[in-house]
Amino acid sequence: RAAQVTSESVQLAGFAINTSNYSEEEALAYCAEISAEFGLPATDPVRFGIDEIAALLQERG
């Protein structure tokens, strides 16, 4: 909602999460949990990249 202050057409494309305090296994599980809850990609871009978010953005055009 906050982003809609500057543009009504803004769309959420995913979540970039800092998982530096988690083990790799915990980080992957947490990202999967967030992704399942919201139906959007969730990743730690430093550890795992942003391929899923980029793919969604390409689909949306």
PDB file of N, CA and C in Angstrom:
ATOM      1  N   ARG A   1       0.812  -1.200   0.000  1.00  0.00           N
ATOM      2  CA  ARG A   1       0.000   0.000   0.000  1.00  0.00           C
ATOM      3  C   ARG A   1       0.853   1.261   0.000  1.00  0.00           C
ATOM      4  N   ALA A   2       1.937   1.248   0.716  1.00  0.00           N
ATOM      5  CA  ALA A   2       2.778   2.442   0.781  1.00  0.00           C
ATOM      6  C   ALA A   2       3.283   2.829  -0.603  1.00  0.00           C
ATOM      7  N   ALA A   3       3.617   1.842  -1.420  1.00  0.00           N
ATOM      8  CA  ALA A   3       4.124   2.135  -2.759  1.00  0.00           C
ATOM      9  C   ALA A   3       3.057   2.776  -3.632  1.00  0.00           C
ATOM     10  N   GLN A   4       1.795   2.516  -3.345  1.00  0.00           N
ATOM     11  CA  GLN A   4       0.716   3.085  -4.144  1.00  0.00           C
ATOM     12  C   GLN A   4       0.579   4.594  -3.960  1.00  0.00           C
ATOM     13  N   VAL A   5       1.267   5.150  -2.996  1.00  0.00           N
ATOM     14  CA  VAL A   5       1.266   6.602  -2.815  1.00  0.00           C
ATOM     15  C   VAL A   5       1.891   7.275  -4.034  1.00  0.00           C
ATOM     16  N   THR A   6       2.906   6.653  -4.600  1.00  0.00           N
ATOM     17  CA  THR A   6       3.584   7.239  -5.757  1.00  0.00           C
ATOM     18  C   THR A   6       3.086   6.692  -7.085  1.00  0.00           C
ATOM     19  N   SER A   7       2.482   5.500  -7.081  1.00  0.00           N
ATOM     20  CA  SER A   7       1.961   4.917  -8.314  1.00  0.00           C
ATOM     21  C   SER A   7       0.859   3.921  -7.981  1.00  0.00           C
ATOM     22  N   GLU A   8      -0.327   4.169  -8.500  1.00  0.00           N
ATOM     23  CA  GLU A   8      -1.448   3.270  -8.236  1.00  0.00           C
ATOM     24  C   GLU A   8      -1.286   1.923  -8.930  1.00  0.00           C
ATOM     25  N   SER A   9      -0.430   1.845  -9.932  1.00  0.00           N
ATOM     26  CA  SER A   9      -0.284   0.610 -10.701  1.00  0.00           C
ATOM     27  C   SER A   9       0.842  -0.290 -10.201  1.00  0.00           C
ATOM     28  N   VAL A  10       1.463   0.056  -9.084  1.00  0.00           N
ATOM     29  CA  VAL A  10       2.558  -0.757  -8.548  1.00  0.00           C
ATOM     30  C   VAL A  10       2.045  -2.153  -8.181  1.00  0.00           C
ATOM     31  N   GLN A  11       2.867  -3.165  -8.441  1.00  0.00           N
ATOM     32  CA  GLN A  11       2.506  -4.548  -8.129  1.00  0.00           C
ATOM     33  C   GLN A  11       3.656  -5.220  -7.395  1.00  0.00           C
ATOM     34  N   LEU A  12       3.325  -5.974  -6.377  1.00  0.00           N
ATOM     35  CA  LEU A  12       4.325  -6.746  -5.645  1.00  0.00           C
ATOM     36  C   LEU A  12       4.774  -7.917  -6.510  1.00  0.00           C
ATOM     37  N   ALA A  13       6.089  -8.088  -6.656  1.00  0.00           N
ATOM     38  CA  ALA A  13       6.615  -9.151  -7.506  1.00  0.00           C
ATOM     39  C   ALA A  13       7.360 -10.217  -6.726  1.00  0.00           C
ATOM     40  N   GLY A  14       7.549 -10.021  -5.432  1.00  0.00           N
ATOM     41  CA  GLY A  14       8.258 -11.012  -4.639  1.00  0.00           C
ATOM     42  C   GLY A  14       8.880 -10.382  -3.415  1.00  0.00           C
ATOM     43  N   PHE A  15       9.587 -11.211  -2.675  1.00  0.00           N
ATOM     44  CA  PHE A  15      10.184 -10.788  -1.419  1.00  0.00           C
ATOM     45  C   PHE A  15      11.683 -11.045  -1.434  1.00  0.00           C
ATOM     46  N   ALA A  16      12.459 -10.038  -1.085  1.00  0.00           N
ATOM     47  CA  ALA A  16      13.905 -10.167  -0.912  1.00  0.00           C
ATOM     48  C   ALA A  16      14.162 -10.174   0.591  1.00  0.00           C
ATOM     49  N   ILE A  17      14.669 -11.283   1.093  1.00  0.00           N
ATOM     50  CA  ILE A  17      14.787 -11.499   2.534  1.00  0.00           C
ATOM     51  C   ILE A  17      16.249 -11.650   2.934  1.00  0.00           C
ATOM     52  N   ASN A  18      16.636 -10.965   3.987  1.00  0.00           N
ATOM     53  CA  ASN A  18      17.980 -11.117   4.549  1.00  0.00           C
ATOM     54  C   ASN A  18      17.960 -12.322   5.489  1.00  0.00           C
ATOM     55  N   THR A  19      18.600 -13.406   5.075  1.00  0.00           N
ATOM     56  CA  THR A  19      18.631 -14.634   5.884  1.00  0.00           C
ATOM     57  C   THR A  19      20.022 -14.901   6.440  1.00  0.00           C
ATOM     58  N   SER A  20      20.819 -13.861   6.579  1.00  0.00           N
ATOM     59  CA  SER A  20      22.216 -14.048   6.989  1.00  0.00           C
ATOM     60  C   SER A  20      22.366 -14.682   8.367  1.00  0.00           C
ATOM     61  N   ASN A  21      21.349 -14.588   9.202  1.00  0.00           N
ATOM     62  CA  ASN A  21      21.423 -15.204  10.533  1.00  0.00           C
ATOM     63  C   ASN A  21      20.910 -16.640  10.560  1.00  0.00           C
ATOM     64  N   TYR A  22      20.505 -17.165   9.392  1.00  0.00           N
ATOM     65  CA  TYR A  22      19.981 -18.528   9.299  1.00  0.00           C
ATOM     66  C   TYR A  22      20.999 -19.443   8.624  1.00  0.00           C
ATOM     67  N   SER A  23      20.930 -20.722   8.950  1.00  0.00           N
ATOM     68  CA  SER A  23      21.698 -21.700   8.179  1.00  0.00           C
ATOM     69  C   SER A  23      21.083 -21.755   6.783  1.00  0.00           C
ATOM     70  N   GLU A  24      21.785 -22.356   5.842  1.00  0.00           N
ATOM     71  CA  GLU A  24      21.243 -22.450   4.485  1.00  0.00           C
ATOM     72  C   GLU A  24      19.919 -23.205   4.480  1.00  0.00           C
ATOM     73  N   GLU A  25      19.845 -24.287   5.226  1.00  0.00           N
ATOM     74  CA  GLU A  25      18.615 -25.083   5.305  1.00  0.00           C
ATOM     75  C   GLU A  25      17.460 -24.253   5.881  1.00  0.00           C
ATOM     76  N   GLU A  26      17.725 -23.522   6.960  1.00  0.00           N
ATOM     77  CA  GLU A  26      16.693 -22.674   7.573  1.00  0.00           C
ATOM     78  C   GLU A  26      16.265 -21.563   6.620  1.00  0.00           C
ATOM     79  N   ALA A  27      17.229 -20.995   5.914  1.00  0.00           N
ATOM     80  CA  ALA A  27      16.939 -19.908   4.980  1.00  0.00           C
ATOM     81  C   ALA A  27      16.044 -20.387   3.842  1.00  0.00           C
ATOM     82  N   LEU A  28      16.369 -21.532   3.276  1.00  0.00           N
ATOM     83  CA  LEU A  28      15.551 -22.080   2.196  1.00  0.00           C
ATOM     84  C   LEU A  28      14.141 -22.386   2.678  1.00  0.00           C
ATOM     85  N   ALA A  29      14.030 -22.948   3.870  1.00  0.00           N
ATOM     86  CA  ALA A  29      12.719 -23.280   4.433  1.00  0.00           C
ATOM     87  C   ALA A  29      11.902 -22.014   4.680  1.00  0.00           C
ATOM     88  N   TYR A  30      12.546 -20.988   5.212  1.00  0.00           N
ATOM     89  CA  TYR A  30      11.838 -19.738   5.493  1.00  0.00           C
ATOM     90  C   TYR A  30      11.364 -19.080   4.199  1.00  0.00           C
ATOM     91  N   CYS A  31      12.221 -19.038   3.208  1.00  0.00           N
ATOM     92  CA  CYS A  31      11.831 -18.459   1.920  1.00  0.00           C
ATOM     93  C   CYS A  31      10.665 -19.239   1.309  1.00  0.00           C
ATOM     94  N   ALA A  32      10.705 -20.552   1.403  1.00  0.00           N
ATOM     95  CA  ALA A  32       9.616 -21.381   0.887  1.00  0.00           C
ATOM     96  C   ALA A  32       8.319 -21.109   1.639  1.00  0.00           C
ATOM     97  N   GLU A  33       8.415 -20.921   2.940  1.00  0.00           N
ATOM     98  CA  GLU A  33       7.237 -20.623   3.765  1.00  0.00           C
ATOM     99  C   GLU A  33       6.591 -19.295   3.345  1.00  0.00           C
ATOM    100  N   ILE A  34       7.406 -18.276   3.179  1.00  0.00           N
ATOM    101  CA  ILE A  34       6.891 -16.965   2.769  1.00  0.00           C
ATOM    102  C   ILE A  34       6.290 -17.040   1.368  1.00  0.00           C
ATOM    103  N   SER A  35       6.955 -17.736   0.474  1.00  0.00           N
ATOM    104  CA  SER A  35       6.464 -17.892  -0.887  1.00  0.00           C
ATOM    105  C   SER A  35       5.109 -18.596  -0.907  1.00  0.00           C
ATOM    106  N   ALA A  36       4.973 -19.653  -0.126  1.00  0.00           N
ATOM    107  CA  ALA A  36       3.709 -20.390  -0.063  1.00  0.00           C
ATOM    108  C   ALA A  36       2.601 -19.534   0.545  1.00  0.00           C
ATOM    109  N   GLU A  37       2.936 -18.771   1.559  1.00  0.00           N
ATOM    110  CA  GLU A  37       1.936 -17.939   2.236  1.00  0.00           C
ATOM    111  C   GLU A  37       1.373 -16.854   1.323  1.00  0.00           C
ATOM    112  N   PHE A  38       2.230 -16.243   0.509  1.00  0.00           N
ATOM    113  CA  PHE A  38       1.803 -15.112  -0.302  1.00  0.00           C
ATOM    114  C   PHE A  38       1.629 -15.435  -1.789  1.00  0.00           C
ATOM    115  N   GLY A  39       2.057 -16.618  -2.219  1.00  0.00           N
ATOM    116  CA  GLY A  39       1.913 -16.990  -3.615  1.00  0.00           C
ATOM    117  C   GLY A  39       2.818 -16.212  -4.551  1.00  0.00           C
ATOM    118  N   LEU A  40       3.947 -15.758  -4.022  1.00  0.00           N
ATOM    119  CA  LEU A  40       4.934 -15.006  -4.800  1.00  0.00           C
ATOM    120  C   LEU A  40       6.325 -15.515  -4.462  1.00  0.00           C
ATOM    121  N   PRO A  41       7.290 -15.296  -5.346  1.00  0.00           N
ATOM    122  CA  PRO A  41       8.652 -15.724  -5.043  1.00  0.00           C
ATOM    123  C   PRO A  41       9.207 -15.024  -3.801  1.00  0.00           C
ATOM    124  N   ALA A  42       9.997 -15.761  -3.044  1.00  0.00           N
ATOM    125  CA  ALA A  42      10.700 -15.207  -1.887  1.00  0.00           C
ATOM    126  C   ALA A  42      12.104 -15.783  -1.894  1.00  0.00           C
ATOM    127  N   THR A  43      13.098 -14.930  -1.727  1.00  0.00           N
ATOM    128  CA  THR A  43      14.481 -15.378  -1.812  1.00  0.00           C
ATOM    129  C   THR A  43      15.394 -14.456  -1.019  1.00  0.00           C
ATOM    130  N   ASP A  44      16.555 -14.952  -0.703  1.00  0.00           N
ATOM    131  CA  ASP A  44      17.632 -14.091  -0.227  1.00  0.00           C
ATOM    132  C   ASP A  44      18.482 -13.831  -1.467  1.00  0.00           C
ATOM    133  N   PRO A  45      18.434 -12.637  -2.036  1.00  0.00           N
ATOM    134  CA  PRO A  45      19.119 -12.392  -3.301  1.00  0.00           C
ATOM    135  C   PRO A  45      20.626 -12.572  -3.244  1.00  0.00           C
ATOM    136  N   VAL A  46      21.233 -12.364  -2.093  1.00  0.00           N
ATOM    137  CA  VAL A  46      22.679 -12.529  -1.964  1.00  0.00           C
ATOM    138  C   VAL A  46      23.038 -14.008  -1.990  1.00  0.00           C
ATOM    139  N   ARG A  47      22.286 -14.818  -1.298  1.00  0.00           N
ATOM    140  CA  ARG A  47      22.593 -16.249  -1.198  1.00  0.00           C
ATOM    141  C   ARG A  47      22.075 -17.058  -2.374  1.00  0.00           C
ATOM    142  N   PHE A  48      20.872 -16.731  -2.844  1.00  0.00           N
ATOM    143  CA  PHE A  48      20.190 -17.610  -3.793  1.00  0.00           C
ATOM    144  C   PHE A  48      19.836 -16.962  -5.129  1.00  0.00           C
ATOM    145  N   GLY A  49      20.125 -15.677  -5.286  1.00  0.00           N
ATOM    146  CA  GLY A  49      19.809 -15.004  -6.543  1.00  0.00           C
ATOM    147  C   GLY A  49      18.355 -14.566  -6.629  1.00  0.00           C
ATOM    148  N   ILE A  50      18.011 -13.980  -7.775  1.00  0.00           N
ATOM    149  CA  ILE A  50      16.660 -13.439  -7.963  1.00  0.00           C
ATOM    150  C   ILE A  50      15.973 -14.006  -9.203  1.00  0.00           C
ATOM    151  N   ASP A  51      16.391 -15.160  -9.655  1.00  0.00           N
ATOM    152  CA  ASP A  51      15.850 -15.722 -10.894  1.00  0.00           C
ATOM    153  C   ASP A  51      14.331 -15.839 -10.891  1.00  0.00           C
ATOM    154  N   GLU A  52      13.737 -16.304  -9.792  1.00  0.00           N
ATOM    155  CA  GLU A  52      12.286 -16.485  -9.743  1.00  0.00           C
ATOM    156  C   GLU A  52      11.557 -15.144  -9.821  1.00  0.00           C
ATOM    157  N   ILE A  53      12.069 -14.147  -9.141  1.00  0.00           N
ATOM    158  CA  ILE A  53      11.445 -12.823  -9.189  1.00  0.00           C
ATOM    159  C   ILE A  53      11.598 -12.234 -10.590  1.00  0.00           C
ATOM    160  N   ALA A  54      12.769 -12.367 -11.181  1.00  0.00           N
ATOM    161  CA  ALA A  54      13.005 -11.855 -12.535  1.00  0.00           C
ATOM    162  C   ALA A  54      12.095 -12.542 -13.547  1.00  0.00           C
ATOM    163  N   ALA A  55      11.897 -13.842 -13.401  1.00  0.00           N
ATOM    164  CA  ALA A  55      11.022 -14.577 -14.316  1.00  0.00           C
ATOM    165  C   ALA A  55       9.586 -14.071 -14.214  1.00  0.00           C
ATOM    166  N   LEU A  56       9.130 -13.809 -13.006  1.00  0.00           N
ATOM    167  CA  LEU A  56       7.779 -13.282 -12.824  1.00  0.00           C
ATOM    168  C   LEU A  56       7.643 -11.903 -13.460  1.00  0.00           C
ATOM    169  N   LEU A  57       8.645 -11.069 -13.292  1.00  0.00           N
ATOM    170  CA  LEU A  57       8.610  -9.741 -13.908  1.00  0.00           C
ATOM    171  C   LEU A  57       8.579  -9.836 -15.432  1.00  0.00           C
ATOM    172  N   GLN A  58       9.320 -10.783 -15.992  1.00  0.00           N
ATOM    173  CA  GLN A  58       9.313 -10.972 -17.447  1.00  0.00           C
ATOM    174  C   GLN A  58       7.947 -11.447 -17.924  1.00  0.00           C
ATOM    175  N   GLU A  59       7.314 -12.348 -17.161  1.00  0.00           N
ATOM    176  CA  GLU A  59       5.974 -12.823 -17.508  1.00  0.00           C
ATOM    177  C   GLU A  59       4.979 -11.677 -17.540  1.00  0.00           C
ATOM    178  N   ARG A  60       5.091 -10.799 -16.583  1.00  0.00           N
ATOM    179  CA  ARG A  60       4.149  -9.679 -16.470  1.00  0.00           C
ATOM    180  C   ARG A  60       4.387  -8.607 -17.531  1.00  0.00           C
ATOM    181  N   GLY A  61       5.583  -8.620 -18.117  1.00  0.00           N
ATOM    182  CA  GLY A  61       5.913  -7.670 -19.170  1.00  0.00           C
ATOM    183  C   GLY A  61       6.245  -6.350 -18.622  1.00  0.00           C
TER     184      GLY A  61
END
